[in-house]
Amino acid sequence: MKIQLNTDKNIQGTENLEAVISEKINHNFKQFAENITRVEIHLSDENANKSGPDDIQCKIEARIEGAQPVMVVSKNSSKEIAIDNAINKMKASLDTIIGKIKNR
């Protein structure tokens, strides 16, 4: 499972951020690892330098063998919470989709 982090110009994609997200993805998606070829995380700050409610957006796209890619979106004022919420949404989606694939 390949993990790729993409950020916009308002969020720095540091090695530390990449390491933290990779660890969270590997930990939370380990039961799906054999079915997922790639996970892309897109982090953006929609209000740039202005603060506001739910201005950090995290999109996670998972590419699954034998199925269409799946994407979830989460917004929050905190980068960490937006990432965690998106991971939880994706985990629920993968559970459903991969469960259906295995039952074929």
N, C-alpha and C. Protein backbone atom coordinates (compact mmCIF):
# COMPACT_ATOMS: atom_id res chain seq x y z
N MET A 1 0.85 -1.17 0.00
CA MET A 1 0.00 0.00 0.00
C MET A 1 0.90 1.23 0.00
N LYS A 2 0.78 2.01 -1.04
CA LYS A 2 1.57 3.23 -1.15
C LYS A 2 0.77 4.39 -0.56
N ILE A 3 1.43 5.25 0.19
CA ILE A 3 0.79 6.40 0.82
C ILE A 3 1.42 7.67 0.28
N GLN A 4 0.57 8.59 -0.19
CA GLN A 4 1.07 9.84 -0.76
C GLN A 4 0.35 11.01 -0.10
N LEU A 5 1.10 11.98 0.41
CA LEU A 5 0.55 13.18 1.03
C LEU A 5 0.70 14.35 0.08
N ASN A 6 -0.41 15.06 -0.15
CA ASN A 6 -0.41 16.28 -0.96
C ASN A 6 -0.94 17.41 -0.10
N THR A 7 -0.25 18.56 -0.13
CA THR A 7 -0.72 19.73 0.62
C THR A 7 -0.80 20.92 -0.32
N ASP A 8 -1.62 21.89 0.07
CA ASP A 8 -1.67 23.11 -0.73
C ASP A 8 -0.57 24.06 -0.26
N LYS A 9 -0.54 25.24 -0.83
CA LYS A 9 0.55 26.18 -0.52
C LYS A 9 0.46 26.76 0.90
N ASN A 10 -0.69 26.55 1.57
CA ASN A 10 -0.88 27.11 2.90
C ASN A 10 -0.54 26.13 4.03
N ILE A 11 -0.32 24.88 3.69
CA ILE A 11 0.04 23.87 4.69
C ILE A 11 1.38 23.25 4.28
N GLN A 12 2.33 23.28 5.20
CA GLN A 12 3.64 22.72 4.89
C GLN A 12 3.61 21.20 5.05
N GLY A 13 3.99 20.50 4.00
CA GLY A 13 4.06 19.05 4.04
C GLY A 13 5.40 18.59 4.56
N THR A 14 5.61 18.73 5.85
CA THR A 14 6.90 18.38 6.46
C THR A 14 7.07 16.86 6.55
N GLU A 15 8.30 16.44 6.76
CA GLU A 15 8.58 15.01 6.93
C GLU A 15 7.88 14.48 8.17
N ASN A 16 7.81 15.30 9.22
CA ASN A 16 7.14 14.89 10.45
C ASN A 16 5.65 14.66 10.20
N LEU A 17 5.01 15.58 9.50
CA LEU A 17 3.58 15.44 9.18
C LEU A 17 3.35 14.19 8.34
N GLU A 18 4.20 13.98 7.37
CA GLU A 18 4.10 12.80 6.51
C GLU A 18 4.26 11.50 7.31
N ALA A 19 5.20 11.50 8.25
CA ALA A 19 5.44 10.32 9.08
C ALA A 19 4.24 10.03 9.99
N VAL A 20 3.68 11.07 10.59
CA VAL A 20 2.52 10.90 11.48
C VAL A 20 1.33 10.36 10.70
N ILE A 21 1.07 10.94 9.53
CA ILE A 21 -0.07 10.49 8.72
C ILE A 21 0.15 9.07 8.22
N SER A 22 1.36 8.76 7.77
CA SER A 22 1.65 7.39 7.31
C SER A 22 1.43 6.38 8.41
N GLU A 23 1.87 6.71 9.63
CA GLU A 23 1.67 5.80 10.76
C GLU A 23 0.18 5.59 11.03
N LYS A 24 -0.60 6.67 11.02
CA LYS A 24 -2.04 6.57 11.27
C LYS A 24 -2.73 5.73 10.18
N ILE A 25 -2.35 5.96 8.93
CA ILE A 25 -2.95 5.20 7.82
C ILE A 25 -2.59 3.73 7.94
N ASN A 26 -1.32 3.43 8.14
CA ASN A 26 -0.88 2.03 8.27
C ASN A 26 -1.57 1.33 9.43
N HIS A 27 -1.69 2.03 10.55
CA HIS A 27 -2.32 1.43 11.74
C HIS A 27 -3.82 1.19 11.52
N ASN A 28 -4.52 2.19 10.98
CA ASN A 28 -5.98 2.10 10.84
C ASN A 28 -6.44 1.26 9.66
N PHE A 29 -5.60 1.15 8.64
CA PHE A 29 -6.02 0.42 7.43
C PHE A 29 -5.31 -0.92 7.28
N LYS A 30 -4.62 -1.39 8.34
CA LYS A 30 -3.82 -2.61 8.19
C LYS A 30 -4.65 -3.81 7.78
N GLN A 31 -5.90 -3.91 8.22
CA GLN A 31 -6.72 -5.05 7.83
C GLN A 31 -7.17 -4.99 6.37
N PHE A 32 -7.01 -3.82 5.73
CA PHE A 32 -7.38 -3.66 4.33
C PHE A 32 -6.17 -3.61 3.41
N ALA A 33 -4.96 -3.69 3.96
CA ALA A 33 -3.72 -3.45 3.22
C ALA A 33 -3.58 -4.32 1.97
N GLU A 34 -4.03 -5.55 2.02
CA GLU A 34 -3.88 -6.43 0.86
C GLU A 34 -4.82 -6.05 -0.29
N ASN A 35 -5.85 -5.26 0.00
CA ASN A 35 -6.81 -4.84 -1.03
C ASN A 35 -6.54 -3.44 -1.56
N ILE A 36 -5.77 -2.65 -0.82
CA ILE A 36 -5.53 -1.25 -1.21
C ILE A 36 -4.17 -1.14 -1.89
N THR A 37 -4.16 -0.52 -3.07
CA THR A 37 -2.89 -0.31 -3.75
C THR A 37 -2.28 1.04 -3.39
N ARG A 38 -3.14 2.04 -3.12
CA ARG A 38 -2.62 3.39 -2.91
C ARG A 38 -3.61 4.20 -2.07
N VAL A 39 -3.07 5.04 -1.21
CA VAL A 39 -3.88 5.98 -0.43
C VAL A 39 -3.29 7.37 -0.65
N GLU A 40 -4.14 8.31 -1.05
CA GLU A 40 -3.70 9.70 -1.24
C GLU A 40 -4.42 10.57 -0.22
N ILE A 41 -3.66 11.41 0.45
CA ILE A 41 -4.20 12.35 1.42
C ILE A 41 -3.98 13.75 0.88
N HIS A 42 -5.05 14.52 0.81
CA HIS A 42 -4.97 15.90 0.31
C HIS A 42 -5.37 16.83 1.46
N LEU A 43 -4.41 17.64 1.92
CA LEU A 43 -4.68 18.61 2.99
C LEU A 43 -4.68 20.01 2.42
N SER A 44 -5.71 20.79 2.76
CA SER A 44 -5.74 22.16 2.28
C SER A 44 -6.35 23.08 3.33
N ASP A 45 -5.92 24.32 3.29
CA ASP A 45 -6.45 25.37 4.16
C ASP A 45 -7.27 26.28 3.28
N GLU A 46 -8.58 26.18 3.37
CA GLU A 46 -9.46 26.88 2.44
C GLU A 46 -9.49 28.39 2.64
N ASN A 47 -9.15 28.87 3.84
CA ASN A 47 -9.16 30.31 4.11
C ASN A 47 -7.77 30.92 4.14
N ALA A 48 -6.79 30.18 3.69
CA ALA A 48 -5.40 30.63 3.68
C ALA A 48 -4.97 31.10 5.06
N ASN A 49 -4.54 32.34 5.18
CA ASN A 49 -4.00 32.83 6.44
C ASN A 49 -5.07 33.29 7.43
N LYS A 50 -6.32 33.36 6.99
CA LYS A 50 -7.41 33.75 7.88
C LYS A 50 -7.90 32.51 8.61
N SER A 51 -8.19 32.68 9.89
CA SER A 51 -8.73 31.53 10.62
C SER A 51 -10.25 31.56 10.51
N GLY A 52 -10.82 30.40 10.66
CA GLY A 52 -12.27 30.31 10.61
C GLY A 52 -12.69 28.90 10.93
N PRO A 53 -13.98 28.73 11.15
CA PRO A 53 -14.46 27.38 11.47
C PRO A 53 -14.34 26.45 10.27
N ASP A 54 -13.86 25.26 10.54
CA ASP A 54 -13.78 24.22 9.52
C ASP A 54 -13.05 24.67 8.25
N ASP A 55 -11.94 25.37 8.42
CA ASP A 55 -11.20 25.85 7.25
C ASP A 55 -10.13 24.87 6.77
N ILE A 56 -9.82 23.84 7.56
CA ILE A 56 -8.86 22.81 7.14
C ILE A 56 -9.65 21.65 6.55
N GLN A 57 -9.29 21.28 5.34
CA GLN A 57 -9.98 20.17 4.67
C GLN A 57 -9.01 19.02 4.45
N CYS A 58 -9.46 17.82 4.77
CA CYS A 58 -8.67 16.61 4.52
C CYS A 58 -9.49 15.69 3.63
N LYS A 59 -8.95 15.38 2.47
CA LYS A 59 -9.57 14.41 1.58
C LYS A 59 -8.67 13.18 1.56
N ILE A 60 -9.27 12.02 1.68
CA ILE A 60 -8.52 10.78 1.56
C ILE A 60 -9.13 9.97 0.43
N GLU A 61 -8.28 9.56 -0.49
CA GLU A 61 -8.71 8.71 -1.61
C GLU A 61 -7.97 7.38 -1.50
N ALA A 62 -8.73 6.30 -1.54
CA ALA A 62 -8.14 4.96 -1.50
C ALA A 62 -8.41 4.26 -2.82
N ARG A 63 -7.38 3.67 -3.38
CA ARG A 63 -7.51 2.88 -4.61
C ARG A 63 -7.53 1.41 -4.21
N ILE A 64 -8.63 0.77 -4.56
CA ILE A 64 -8.86 -0.61 -4.15
C ILE A 64 -8.80 -1.50 -5.37
N GLU A 65 -8.10 -2.63 -5.23
CA GLU A 65 -8.04 -3.60 -6.33
C GLU A 65 -9.44 -4.13 -6.61
N GLY A 66 -9.84 -4.08 -7.89
CA GLY A 66 -11.12 -4.62 -8.31
C GLY A 66 -12.31 -3.74 -8.01
N ALA A 67 -12.09 -2.47 -7.67
CA ALA A 67 -13.20 -1.55 -7.37
C ALA A 67 -12.80 -0.12 -7.75
N GLN A 68 -13.79 0.73 -7.81
CA GLN A 68 -13.55 2.14 -8.09
C GLN A 68 -12.87 2.80 -6.89
N PRO A 69 -12.08 3.84 -7.12
CA PRO A 69 -11.47 4.57 -6.00
C PRO A 69 -12.57 5.14 -5.09
N VAL A 70 -12.25 5.28 -3.81
CA VAL A 70 -13.18 5.80 -2.82
C VAL A 70 -12.58 7.07 -2.24
N MET A 71 -13.42 8.11 -2.06
CA MET A 71 -12.92 9.35 -1.46
C MET A 71 -13.84 9.80 -0.34
N VAL A 72 -13.23 10.28 0.73
CA VAL A 72 -13.98 10.89 1.84
C VAL A 72 -13.39 12.26 2.11
N VAL A 73 -14.21 13.13 2.70
CA VAL A 73 -13.79 14.50 3.00
C VAL A 73 -14.17 14.83 4.43
N SER A 74 -13.27 15.51 5.11
CA SER A 74 -13.54 15.99 6.46
C SER A 74 -13.02 17.42 6.58
N LYS A 75 -13.78 18.25 7.27
CA LYS A 75 -13.35 19.63 7.52
C LYS A 75 -13.39 19.91 9.01
N ASN A 76 -12.40 20.70 9.46
CA ASN A 76 -12.33 21.08 10.86
C ASN A 76 -11.40 22.28 10.98
N SER A 77 -11.42 22.94 12.11
CA SER A 77 -10.49 24.05 12.31
C SER A 77 -9.11 23.53 12.72
N SER A 78 -9.03 22.24 13.10
CA SER A 78 -7.77 21.61 13.48
C SER A 78 -7.35 20.60 12.41
N LYS A 79 -6.10 20.68 12.02
CA LYS A 79 -5.55 19.75 11.03
C LYS A 79 -5.63 18.31 11.54
N GLU A 80 -5.26 18.10 12.79
CA GLU A 80 -5.24 16.76 13.37
C GLU A 80 -6.64 16.14 13.42
N ILE A 81 -7.63 16.94 13.82
CA ILE A 81 -9.00 16.42 13.91
C ILE A 81 -9.56 16.15 12.51
N ALA A 82 -9.27 17.02 11.56
CA ALA A 82 -9.73 16.80 10.18
C ALA A 82 -9.15 15.49 9.63
N ILE A 83 -7.87 15.23 9.91
CA ILE A 83 -7.22 14.00 9.44
C ILE A 83 -7.85 12.79 10.13
N ASP A 84 -7.98 12.85 11.46
CA ASP A 84 -8.55 11.71 12.20
C ASP A 84 -9.98 11.41 11.75
N ASN A 85 -10.79 12.45 11.56
CA ASN A 85 -12.18 12.24 11.12
C ASN A 85 -12.23 11.63 9.72
N ALA A 86 -11.36 12.08 8.83
CA ALA A 86 -11.32 11.52 7.47
C ALA A 86 -10.88 10.05 7.52
N ILE A 87 -9.91 9.73 8.36
CA ILE A 87 -9.46 8.34 8.50
C ILE A 87 -10.61 7.46 8.99
N ASN A 88 -11.36 7.95 9.98
CA ASN A 88 -12.49 7.17 10.49
C ASN A 88 -13.57 6.97 9.44
N LYS A 89 -13.85 8.01 8.65
CA LYS A 89 -14.84 7.88 7.56
C LYS A 89 -14.36 6.86 6.53
N MET A 90 -13.08 6.93 6.17
CA MET A 90 -12.54 6.01 5.17
C MET A 90 -12.55 4.58 5.70
N LYS A 91 -12.23 4.42 6.94
CA LYS A 91 -12.22 3.09 7.54
C LYS A 91 -13.62 2.45 7.44
N ALA A 92 -14.65 3.23 7.72
CA ALA A 92 -16.03 2.73 7.63
C ALA A 92 -16.38 2.39 6.18
N SER A 93 -15.97 3.24 5.24
CA SER A 93 -16.24 2.98 3.82
C SER A 93 -15.52 1.72 3.35
N LEU A 94 -14.26 1.59 3.72
CA LEU A 94 -13.48 0.42 3.30
C LEU A 94 -14.06 -0.86 3.89
N ASP A 95 -14.51 -0.79 5.12
CA ASP A 95 -15.11 -1.95 5.76
C ASP A 95 -16.30 -2.45 4.93
N THR A 96 -17.12 -1.53 4.49
CA THR A 96 -18.30 -1.89 3.69
C THR A 96 -17.89 -2.41 2.31
N ILE A 97 -17.05 -1.67 1.60
CA ILE A 97 -16.69 -2.01 0.22
C ILE A 97 -15.90 -3.32 0.16
N ILE A 98 -14.90 -3.45 0.99
CA ILE A 98 -14.06 -4.65 0.95
C ILE A 98 -14.84 -5.86 1.46
N GLY A 99 -15.75 -5.62 2.40
CA GLY A 99 -16.63 -6.71 2.85
C GLY A 99 -17.48 -7.24 1.71
N LYS A 100 -18.00 -6.34 0.88
CA LYS A 100 -18.80 -6.76 -0.29
C LYS A 100 -17.94 -7.51 -1.30
N ILE A 101 -16.72 -7.04 -1.51
CA ILE A 101 -15.81 -7.71 -2.47
C ILE A 101 -15.50 -9.12 -1.99
N LYS A 102 -15.25 -9.29 -0.71
CA LYS A 102 -14.90 -10.60 -0.18
C LYS A 102 -16.09 -11.56 -0.20
N ASN A 103 -17.31 -11.03 -0.17
CA ASN A 103 -18.50 -11.88 -0.19
C ASN A 103 -18.95 -12.28 -1.59
N ARG A 104 -18.26 -11.81 -2.61
CA ARG A 104 -18.63 -12.18 -3.99
C ARG A 104 -18.35 -13.60 -4.27
